Amino acid sequence: MAFPNFSFGEKLPVLEQGTIDPAGLGYAYETLAALIANNLESVELLQGDRGGYIRLASKRRSKSKTKSYISYHHKDEEWKDHLLTHLRVLQKRGIIDLWDDHRIRPGHNWYVAIKKALDSASVALLLVSADFLASEFLLNEEIPNLLSRRKNEGLHVIPVIVRPCVWREVEWLARMQVLPKDGGFLSNGDKNQIDSALAEIATEVAKAVSGQEDSERHGDEVIELSNDTQSIGG
């Protein structure tokens, strides 16, 4: 089969011929684009209702994923991984794009990659511990950026206390509503309690992403929590 060649400035078939004629290249290109946008799913809809399949593809493409950023100390990487396990449910639904520093490829400029991720995030989770609060890089580079975007752009910042620390002595953090509720910490619970708390955190992230949280503030509180959020520790 011979494939046509296109020269610079020549109109593409999808524009020149339209997408109505099943025998035209424009029709074929639109169908292929829809298959890609729909991740090769719901093919049965394409067979029975091509127009509906095209509209589904258009809707999926127009719905951008909310980018998230997880700020943590590497000594808390295990907690980060536990949290990611729960958040991947949201990722699989296509409503959030989870970013952590494991995405930085060998040889790439890690500082530039982190700065880009910080600047593009709509939700930021802080995994707070004594090591987190003692980190010069986190406190001097990441936190000022996140707090500035929270104040000026409405960035959702959700602190999660993962291990015991004197977080109430940190002025900017003491003004925030943290998770787990009432200032407990994840490491104080058993496995079931930890999973319950992480599930609640994922729920709060979903609310922040969808804009359906009961109350949102950009002053002294970051996010108003649901009343049934489980408390761990104290």
C-alpha atoms as a PDB file:
ATOM      1  CA  MET A   1       0.000   0.000   0.000  1.00  0.00           C
ATOM      2  CA  ALA A   2       1.371   3.408  -0.974  1.00  0.00           C
ATOM      3  CA  PHE A   3       1.231   6.202   1.598  1.00  0.00           C
ATOM      4  CA  PRO A   4       0.888   9.808   0.395  1.00  0.00           C
ATOM      5  CA  ASN A   5       3.661  12.328   0.992  1.00  0.00           C
ATOM      6  CA  PHE A   6       2.828  15.833   2.228  1.00  0.00           C
ATOM      7  CA  SER A   7       4.869  18.904   1.470  1.00  0.00           C
ATOM      8  CA  PHE A   8       5.367  21.890   3.761  1.00  0.00           C
ATOM      9  CA  GLY A   9       2.307  24.138   3.736  1.00  0.00           C
ATOM     10  CA  GLU A  10       0.006  21.508   2.248  1.00  0.00           C
ATOM     11  CA  LYS A  11      -3.328  21.111   3.999  1.00  0.00           C
ATOM     12  CA  LEU A  12      -3.764  17.900   5.916  1.00  0.00           C
ATOM     13  CA  PRO A  13      -6.522  15.549   4.697  1.00  0.00           C
ATOM     14  CA  VAL A  14      -8.490  16.002   7.917  1.00  0.00           C
ATOM     15  CA  LEU A  15      -8.804  19.711   7.035  1.00  0.00           C
ATOM     16  CA  GLU A  16      -8.972  19.433   3.262  1.00  0.00           C
ATOM     17  CA  GLN A  17     -11.360  16.484   2.985  1.00  0.00           C
ATOM     18  CA  GLY A  18     -13.173  16.641   6.312  1.00  0.00           C
ATOM     19  CA  THR A  19     -14.007  13.637   8.447  1.00  0.00           C
ATOM     20  CA  ILE A  20     -17.399  12.616   7.112  1.00  0.00           C
ATOM     21  CA  ASP A  21     -16.474  10.399   4.150  1.00  0.00           C
ATOM     22  CA  PRO A  22     -15.633   6.868   5.440  1.00  0.00           C
ATOM     23  CA  ALA A  23     -13.385   6.413   2.410  1.00  0.00           C
ATOM     24  CA  GLY A  24     -11.377   9.566   3.098  1.00  0.00           C
ATOM     25  CA  LEU A  25      -8.089   9.920   4.946  1.00  0.00           C
ATOM     26  CA  GLY A  26      -9.583  12.549   7.238  1.00  0.00           C
ATOM     27  CA  TYR A  27     -12.139  10.035   8.464  1.00  0.00           C
ATOM     28  CA  ALA A  28      -9.404   7.460   9.095  1.00  0.00           C
ATOM     29  CA  TYR A  29      -7.134   9.936  10.877  1.00  0.00           C
ATOM     30  CA  GLU A  30      -9.940  11.100  13.158  1.00  0.00           C
ATOM     31  CA  THR A  31     -10.796   7.509  14.048  1.00  0.00           C
ATOM     32  CA  LEU A  32      -7.157   6.706  14.795  1.00  0.00           C
ATOM     33  CA  ALA A  33      -6.803   9.811  16.965  1.00  0.00           C
ATOM     34  CA  ALA A  34      -9.930   8.819  18.913  1.00  0.00           C
ATOM     35  CA  LEU A  35      -8.587   5.305  19.485  1.00  0.00           C
ATOM     36  CA  ILE A  36      -5.361   6.747  20.900  1.00  0.00           C
ATOM     37  CA  ALA A  37      -7.169   9.298  23.083  1.00  0.00           C
ATOM     38  CA  ASN A  38      -9.427   6.547  24.463  1.00  0.00           C
ATOM     39  CA  ASN A  39      -6.425   4.276  25.147  1.00  0.00           C
ATOM     40  CA  LEU A  40      -7.888   1.660  22.776  1.00  0.00           C
ATOM     41  CA  GLU A  41     -10.802   1.212  25.186  1.00  0.00           C
ATOM     42  CA  SER A  42     -14.561   1.055  24.540  1.00  0.00           C
ATOM     43  CA  VAL A  43     -13.989  -0.151  20.990  1.00  0.00           C
ATOM     44  CA  GLU A  44     -17.490  -1.625  20.970  1.00  0.00           C
ATOM     45  CA  LEU A  45     -18.821   1.948  21.156  1.00  0.00           C
ATOM     46  CA  LEU A  46     -16.792   2.839  18.066  1.00  0.00           C
ATOM     47  CA  GLN A  47     -18.442   0.010  16.156  1.00  0.00           C
ATOM     48  CA  GLY A  48     -21.961   0.985  17.180  1.00  0.00           C
ATOM     49  CA  ASP A  49     -21.746   4.756  17.604  1.00  0.00           C
ATOM     50  CA  ARG A  50     -18.665   6.331  16.047  1.00  0.00           C
ATOM     51  CA  GLY A  51     -19.904   9.840  16.819  1.00  0.00           C
ATOM     52  CA  GLY A  52     -20.267   8.988  20.497  1.00  0.00           C
ATOM     53  CA  TYR A  53     -16.784   7.462  20.493  1.00  0.00           C
ATOM     54  CA  ILE A  54     -15.316  10.643  18.983  1.00  0.00           C
ATOM     55  CA  ARG A  55     -17.085  12.767  21.608  1.00  0.00           C
ATOM     56  CA  LEU A  56     -15.754  10.526  24.393  1.00  0.00           C
ATOM     57  CA  ALA A  57     -12.232  10.975  23.050  1.00  0.00           C
ATOM     58  CA  SER A  58     -12.671  14.727  22.881  1.00  0.00           C
ATOM     59  CA  LYS A  59     -13.921  14.828  26.463  1.00  0.00           C
ATOM     60  CA  ARG A  60     -10.984  12.793  27.713  1.00  0.00           C
ATOM     61  CA  ARG A  61      -8.475  14.983  25.935  1.00  0.00           C
ATOM     62  CA  SER A  62     -10.035  18.173  27.262  1.00  0.00           C
ATOM     63  CA  LYS A  63     -10.027  16.917  30.836  1.00  0.00           C
ATOM     64  CA  SER A  64      -6.536  17.701  32.076  1.00  0.00           C
ATOM     65  CA  LYS A  65      -5.061  15.813  34.980  1.00  0.00           C
ATOM     66  CA  THR A  66      -4.338  17.696  38.156  1.00  0.00           C
ATOM     67  CA  LYS A  67      -0.633  17.527  38.904  1.00  0.00           C
ATOM     68  CA  SER A  68       0.433  16.705  42.436  1.00  0.00           C
ATOM     69  CA  TYR A  69       3.761  17.144  44.187  1.00  0.00           C
ATOM     70  CA  ILE A  70       4.966  15.206  47.231  1.00  0.00           C
ATOM     71  CA  SER A  71       7.549  16.990  49.356  1.00  0.00           C
ATOM     72  CA  TYR A  72       9.377  14.604  51.688  1.00  0.00           C
ATOM     73  CA  HIS A  73      12.715  13.718  53.231  1.00  0.00           C
ATOM     74  CA  HIS A  74      14.346  10.584  51.843  1.00  0.00           C
ATOM     75  CA  LYS A  75      14.310   8.978  55.284  1.00  0.00           C
ATOM     76  CA  ASP A  76      10.509   9.004  54.893  1.00  0.00           C
ATOM     77  CA  GLU A  77      10.517   7.383  51.474  1.00  0.00           C
ATOM     78  CA  GLU A  78       8.699   4.333  52.807  1.00  0.00           C
ATOM     79  CA  TRP A  79       5.820   6.582  53.928  1.00  0.00           C
ATOM     80  CA  LYS A  80       5.805   8.282  50.555  1.00  0.00           C
ATOM     81  CA  ASP A  81       5.460   4.902  48.855  1.00  0.00           C
ATOM     82  CA  HIS A  82       2.581   3.897  51.160  1.00  0.00           C
ATOM     83  CA  LEU A  83       0.774   7.116  50.328  1.00  0.00           C
ATOM     84  CA  LEU A  84       1.359   6.689  46.594  1.00  0.00           C
ATOM     85  CA  THR A  85      -0.272   3.258  46.757  1.00  0.00           C
ATOM     86  CA  HIS A  86      -3.520   4.858  47.929  1.00  0.00           C
ATOM     87  CA  LEU A  87      -3.267   7.826  45.567  1.00  0.00           C
ATOM     88  CA  ARG A  88      -2.811   5.592  42.521  1.00  0.00           C
ATOM     89  CA  VAL A  89      -6.533   4.862  42.666  1.00  0.00           C
ATOM     90  CA  LEU A  90      -7.022   8.517  41.679  1.00  0.00           C
ATOM     91  CA  GLN A  91      -4.292   8.224  39.069  1.00  0.00           C
ATOM     92  CA  LYS A  92      -5.975   5.226  37.457  1.00  0.00           C
ATOM     93  CA  ARG A  93      -9.194   7.248  37.257  1.00  0.00           C
ATOM     94  CA  GLY A  94      -7.258   9.788  35.226  1.00  0.00           C
ATOM     95  CA  ILE A  95      -7.894  12.732  37.536  1.00  0.00           C
ATOM     96  CA  ILE A  96      -4.431  13.216  39.024  1.00  0.00           C
ATOM     97  CA  ASP A  97      -0.850  13.017  37.828  1.00  0.00           C
ATOM     98  CA  LEU A  98       1.407  11.865  40.656  1.00  0.00           C
ATOM     99  CA  TRP A  99       4.943  13.278  40.641  1.00  0.00           C
ATOM    100  CA  ASP A 100       7.842  12.384  42.875  1.00  0.00           C
ATOM    101  CA  ASP A 101      11.590  12.598  42.368  1.00  0.00           C
ATOM    102  CA  HIS A 102      11.812   9.046  41.046  1.00  0.00           C
ATOM    103  CA  ARG A 103      10.687  10.512  37.725  1.00  0.00           C
ATOM    104  CA  ILE A 104      14.016  12.301  37.366  1.00  0.00           C
ATOM    105  CA  ARG A 105      16.085  10.340  34.860  1.00  0.00           C
ATOM    106  CA  PRO A 106      19.806   9.665  35.310  1.00  0.00           C
ATOM    107  CA  GLY A 107      21.853  12.533  33.932  1.00  0.00           C
ATOM    108  CA  HIS A 108      19.015  15.048  34.088  1.00  0.00           C
ATOM    109  CA  ASN A 109      19.254  18.230  36.139  1.00  0.00           C
ATOM    110  CA  TRP A 110      17.399  17.274  39.314  1.00  0.00           C
ATOM    111  CA  TYR A 111      17.059  20.864  40.541  1.00  0.00           C
ATOM    112  CA  VAL A 112      15.420  22.015  37.305  1.00  0.00           C
ATOM    113  CA  ALA A 113      13.105  18.983  37.311  1.00  0.00           C
ATOM    114  CA  ILE A 114      11.988  19.640  40.889  1.00  0.00           C
ATOM    115  CA  LYS A 115      11.475  23.349  40.197  1.00  0.00           C
ATOM    116  CA  LYS A 116       9.337  22.551  37.152  1.00  0.00           C
ATOM    117  CA  ALA A 117       7.234  20.071  39.134  1.00  0.00           C
ATOM    118  CA  LEU A 118       6.782  22.582  41.968  1.00  0.00           C
ATOM    119  CA  ASP A 119       5.649  25.288  39.577  1.00  0.00           C
ATOM    120  CA  SER A 120       3.120  23.102  37.767  1.00  0.00           C
ATOM    121  CA  ALA A 121       1.526  21.330  40.751  1.00  0.00           C
ATOM    122  CA  SER A 122      -2.047  22.046  41.796  1.00  0.00           C
ATOM    123  CA  VAL A 123      -1.888  19.915  44.951  1.00  0.00           C
ATOM    124  CA  ALA A 124       1.136  19.539  47.227  1.00  0.00           C
ATOM    125  CA  LEU A 125       1.471  17.028  50.046  1.00  0.00           C
ATOM    126  CA  LEU A 126       4.079  17.606  52.752  1.00  0.00           C
ATOM    127  CA  LEU A 127       5.243  14.475  54.571  1.00  0.00           C
ATOM    128  CA  VAL A 128       6.302  16.078  57.829  1.00  0.00           C
ATOM    129  CA  SER A 129       8.814  14.539  60.223  1.00  0.00           C
ATOM    130  CA  ALA A 130      11.761  15.737  62.286  1.00  0.00           C
ATOM    131  CA  ASP A 131      14.039  15.078  59.305  1.00  0.00           C
ATOM    132  CA  PHE A 132      11.706  17.051  57.035  1.00  0.00           C
ATOM    133  CA  LEU A 133      11.741  20.027  59.388  1.00  0.00           C
ATOM    134  CA  ALA A 134      15.535  19.880  59.693  1.00  0.00           C
ATOM    135  CA  SER A 135      16.193  19.782  55.945  1.00  0.00           C
ATOM    136  CA  GLU A 136      17.832  22.942  54.636  1.00  0.00           C
ATOM    137  CA  PHE A 137      16.827  22.198  51.043  1.00  0.00           C
ATOM    138  CA  LEU A 138      13.173  21.567  51.849  1.00  0.00           C
ATOM    139  CA  LEU A 139      12.843  24.603  54.109  1.00  0.00           C
ATOM    140  CA  ASN A 140      14.811  26.995  51.895  1.00  0.00           C
ATOM    141  CA  GLU A 141      13.829  25.824  48.413  1.00  0.00           C
ATOM    142  CA  GLU A 142      10.589  23.858  48.324  1.00  0.00           C
ATOM    143  CA  ILE A 143       8.516  25.256  51.192  1.00  0.00           C
ATOM    144  CA  PRO A 144       8.837  28.983  50.308  1.00  0.00           C
ATOM    145  CA  ASN A 145       7.778  28.201  46.749  1.00  0.00           C
ATOM    146  CA  LEU A 146       4.769  26.172  47.876  1.00  0.00           C
ATOM    147  CA  LEU A 147       3.648  28.704  50.485  1.00  0.00           C
ATOM    148  CA  SER A 148       3.951  31.535  47.978  1.00  0.00           C
ATOM    149  CA  ARG A 149       1.854  29.674  45.417  1.00  0.00           C
ATOM    150  CA  ARG A 150      -0.659  28.738  48.108  1.00  0.00           C
ATOM    151  CA  LYS A 151      -1.102  32.416  49.008  1.00  0.00           C
ATOM    152  CA  ASN A 152      -1.054  33.874  45.508  1.00  0.00           C
ATOM    153  CA  GLU A 153      -2.435  31.102  43.320  1.00  0.00           C
ATOM    154  CA  GLY A 154      -4.622  28.996  45.597  1.00  0.00           C
ATOM    155  CA  LEU A 155      -2.356  25.942  45.558  1.00  0.00           C
ATOM    156  CA  HIS A 156      -3.728  23.192  47.810  1.00  0.00           C
ATOM    157  CA  VAL A 157      -1.089  22.349  50.421  1.00  0.00           C
ATOM    158  CA  ILE A 158      -1.858  19.335  52.615  1.00  0.00           C
ATOM    159  CA  PRO A 159       0.605  18.578  55.456  1.00  0.00           C
ATOM    160  CA  VAL A 160       0.711  14.956  56.638  1.00  0.00           C
ATOM    161  CA  ILE A 161       2.487  14.227  59.935  1.00  0.00           C
ATOM    162  CA  VAL A 162       4.213  10.901  59.315  1.00  0.00           C
ATOM    163  CA  ARG A 163       6.465  10.685  62.403  1.00  0.00           C
ATOM    164  CA  PRO A 164       6.615  12.444  65.796  1.00  0.00           C
ATOM    165  CA  CYS A 165       8.077  15.926  65.605  1.00  0.00           C
ATOM    166  CA  VAL A 166       7.581  19.400  67.069  1.00  0.00           C
ATOM    167  CA  TRP A 167       5.597  20.629  64.072  1.00  0.00           C
ATOM    168  CA  ARG A 168       3.464  22.918  66.288  1.00  0.00           C
ATOM    169  CA  GLU A 169       6.614  24.966  66.984  1.00  0.00           C
ATOM    170  CA  VAL A 170       6.961  25.803  63.288  1.00  0.00           C
ATOM    171  CA  GLU A 171       4.940  28.973  62.723  1.00  0.00           C
ATOM    172  CA  TRP A 172       3.849  28.446  59.123  1.00  0.00           C
ATOM    173  CA  LEU A 173       2.932  24.827  59.804  1.00  0.00           C
ATOM    174  CA  ALA A 174       1.156  25.424  63.111  1.00  0.00           C
ATOM    175  CA  ARG A 175      -1.392  27.633  61.300  1.00  0.00           C
ATOM    176  CA  MET A 176      -2.393  24.814  58.962  1.00  0.00           C
ATOM    177  CA  GLN A 177      -4.925  22.044  59.361  1.00  0.00           C
ATOM    178  CA  VAL A 178      -2.887  18.869  59.154  1.00  0.00           C
ATOM    179  CA  LEU A 179      -3.569  15.185  58.622  1.00  0.00           C
ATOM    180  CA  PRO A 180      -4.150  12.918  60.459  1.00  0.00           C
ATOM    181  CA  LYS A 181      -6.747  14.994  62.258  1.00  0.00           C
ATOM    182  CA  ASP A 182      -5.911  16.574  65.627  1.00  0.00           C
ATOM    183  CA  GLY A 183      -2.173  16.461  64.967  1.00  0.00           C
ATOM    184  CA  GLY A 184      -1.628  12.734  65.364  1.00  0.00           C
ATOM    185  CA  PHE A 185       1.020  10.968  63.340  1.00  0.00           C
ATOM    186  CA  LEU A 186       0.875   7.997  60.997  1.00  0.00           C
ATOM    187  CA  SER A 187       3.660   5.968  62.588  1.00  0.00           C
ATOM    188  CA  ASN A 188       1.708   5.621  65.846  1.00  0.00           C
ATOM    189  CA  GLY A 189      -0.949   3.361  64.346  1.00  0.00           C
ATOM    190  CA  ASP A 190      -1.122  -0.323  63.528  1.00  0.00           C
ATOM    191  CA  LYS A 191      -1.382  -1.459  59.903  1.00  0.00           C
ATOM    192  CA  ASN A 192      -5.163  -1.130  59.693  1.00  0.00           C
ATOM    193  CA  GLN A 193      -5.149   2.301  61.326  1.00  0.00           C
ATOM    194  CA  ILE A 194      -2.416   3.478  58.972  1.00  0.00           C
ATOM    195  CA  ASP A 195      -4.305   2.228  55.917  1.00  0.00           C
ATOM    196  CA  SER A 196      -7.470   3.942  57.162  1.00  0.00           C
ATOM    197  CA  ALA A 197      -5.612   7.216  57.669  1.00  0.00           C
ATOM    198  CA  LEU A 198      -3.962   6.988  54.232  1.00  0.00           C
ATOM    199  CA  ALA A 199      -7.336   6.288  52.643  1.00  0.00           C
ATOM    200  CA  GLU A 200      -8.711   9.422  54.312  1.00  0.00           C
ATOM    201  CA  ILE A 201      -5.768  11.421  52.988  1.00  0.00           C
ATOM    202  CA  ALA A 202      -6.463  10.139  49.477  1.00  0.00           C
ATOM    203  CA  THR A 203     -10.107  11.150  49.920  1.00  0.00           C
ATOM    204  CA  GLU A 204      -9.100  14.674  50.903  1.00  0.00           C
ATOM    205  CA  VAL A 205      -6.825  14.887  47.867  1.00  0.00           C
ATOM    206  CA  ALA A 206      -9.715  13.772  45.662  1.00  0.00           C
ATOM    207  CA  LYS A 207     -11.897  16.498  47.162  1.00  0.00           C
ATOM    208  CA  ALA A 208      -9.219  19.101  46.564  1.00  0.00           C
ATOM    209  CA  VAL A 209      -8.827  17.959  42.967  1.00  0.00           C
ATOM    210  CA  SER A 210     -12.541  17.928  42.203  1.00  0.00           C
ATOM    211  CA  GLY A 211     -13.227  21.198  43.991  1.00  0.00           C
ATOM    212  CA  GLN A 212     -15.928  19.536  46.111  1.00  0.00           C
ATOM    213  CA  GLU A 213     -14.391  20.072  49.518  1.00  0.00           C
ATOM    214  CA  ASP A 214     -16.854  21.489  52.032  1.00  0.00           C
ATOM    215  CA  SER A 215     -14.723  24.505  52.779  1.00  0.00           C
ATOM    216  CA  GLU A 216     -11.506  25.835  51.311  1.00  0.00           C
ATOM    217  CA  ARG A 217      -9.455  28.704  52.642  1.00  0.00           C
ATOM    218  CA  HIS A 218      -6.157  30.294  51.708  1.00  0.00           C
ATOM    219  CA  GLY A 219      -5.580  32.076  54.987  1.00  0.00           C
ATOM    220  CA  ASP A 220      -4.890  30.284  58.238  1.00  0.00           C
ATOM    221  CA  GLU A 221      -6.329  26.939  57.095  1.00  0.00           C
ATOM    222  CA  VAL A 222      -5.420  24.969  53.996  1.00  0.00           C
ATOM    223  CA  ILE A 223      -8.321  22.563  53.775  1.00  0.00           C
ATOM    224  CA  GLU A 224     -11.331  21.928  55.983  1.00  0.00           C
ATOM    225  CA  LEU A 225     -11.456  18.244  56.843  1.00  0.00           C
ATOM    226  CA  SER A 226     -14.491  16.005  56.963  1.00  0.00           C
ATOM    227  CA  ASN A 227     -15.678  15.214  60.489  1.00  0.00           C
ATOM    228  CA  ASP A 228     -15.082  11.471  60.153  1.00  0.00           C
ATOM    229  CA  THR A 229     -11.343  11.701  59.444  1.00  0.00           C
ATOM    230  CA  GLN A 230      -9.663   9.154  61.734  1.00  0.00           C
ATOM    231  CA  SER A 231      -7.125  10.331  64.253  1.00  0.00           C
ATOM    232  CA  ILE A 232      -3.962   8.369  64.966  1.00  0.00           C
ATOM    233  CA  GLY A 233      -1.742   9.066  67.926  1.00  0.00           C
ATOM    234  CA  GLY A 234      -1.660  12.344  69.750  1.00  0.00           C
END
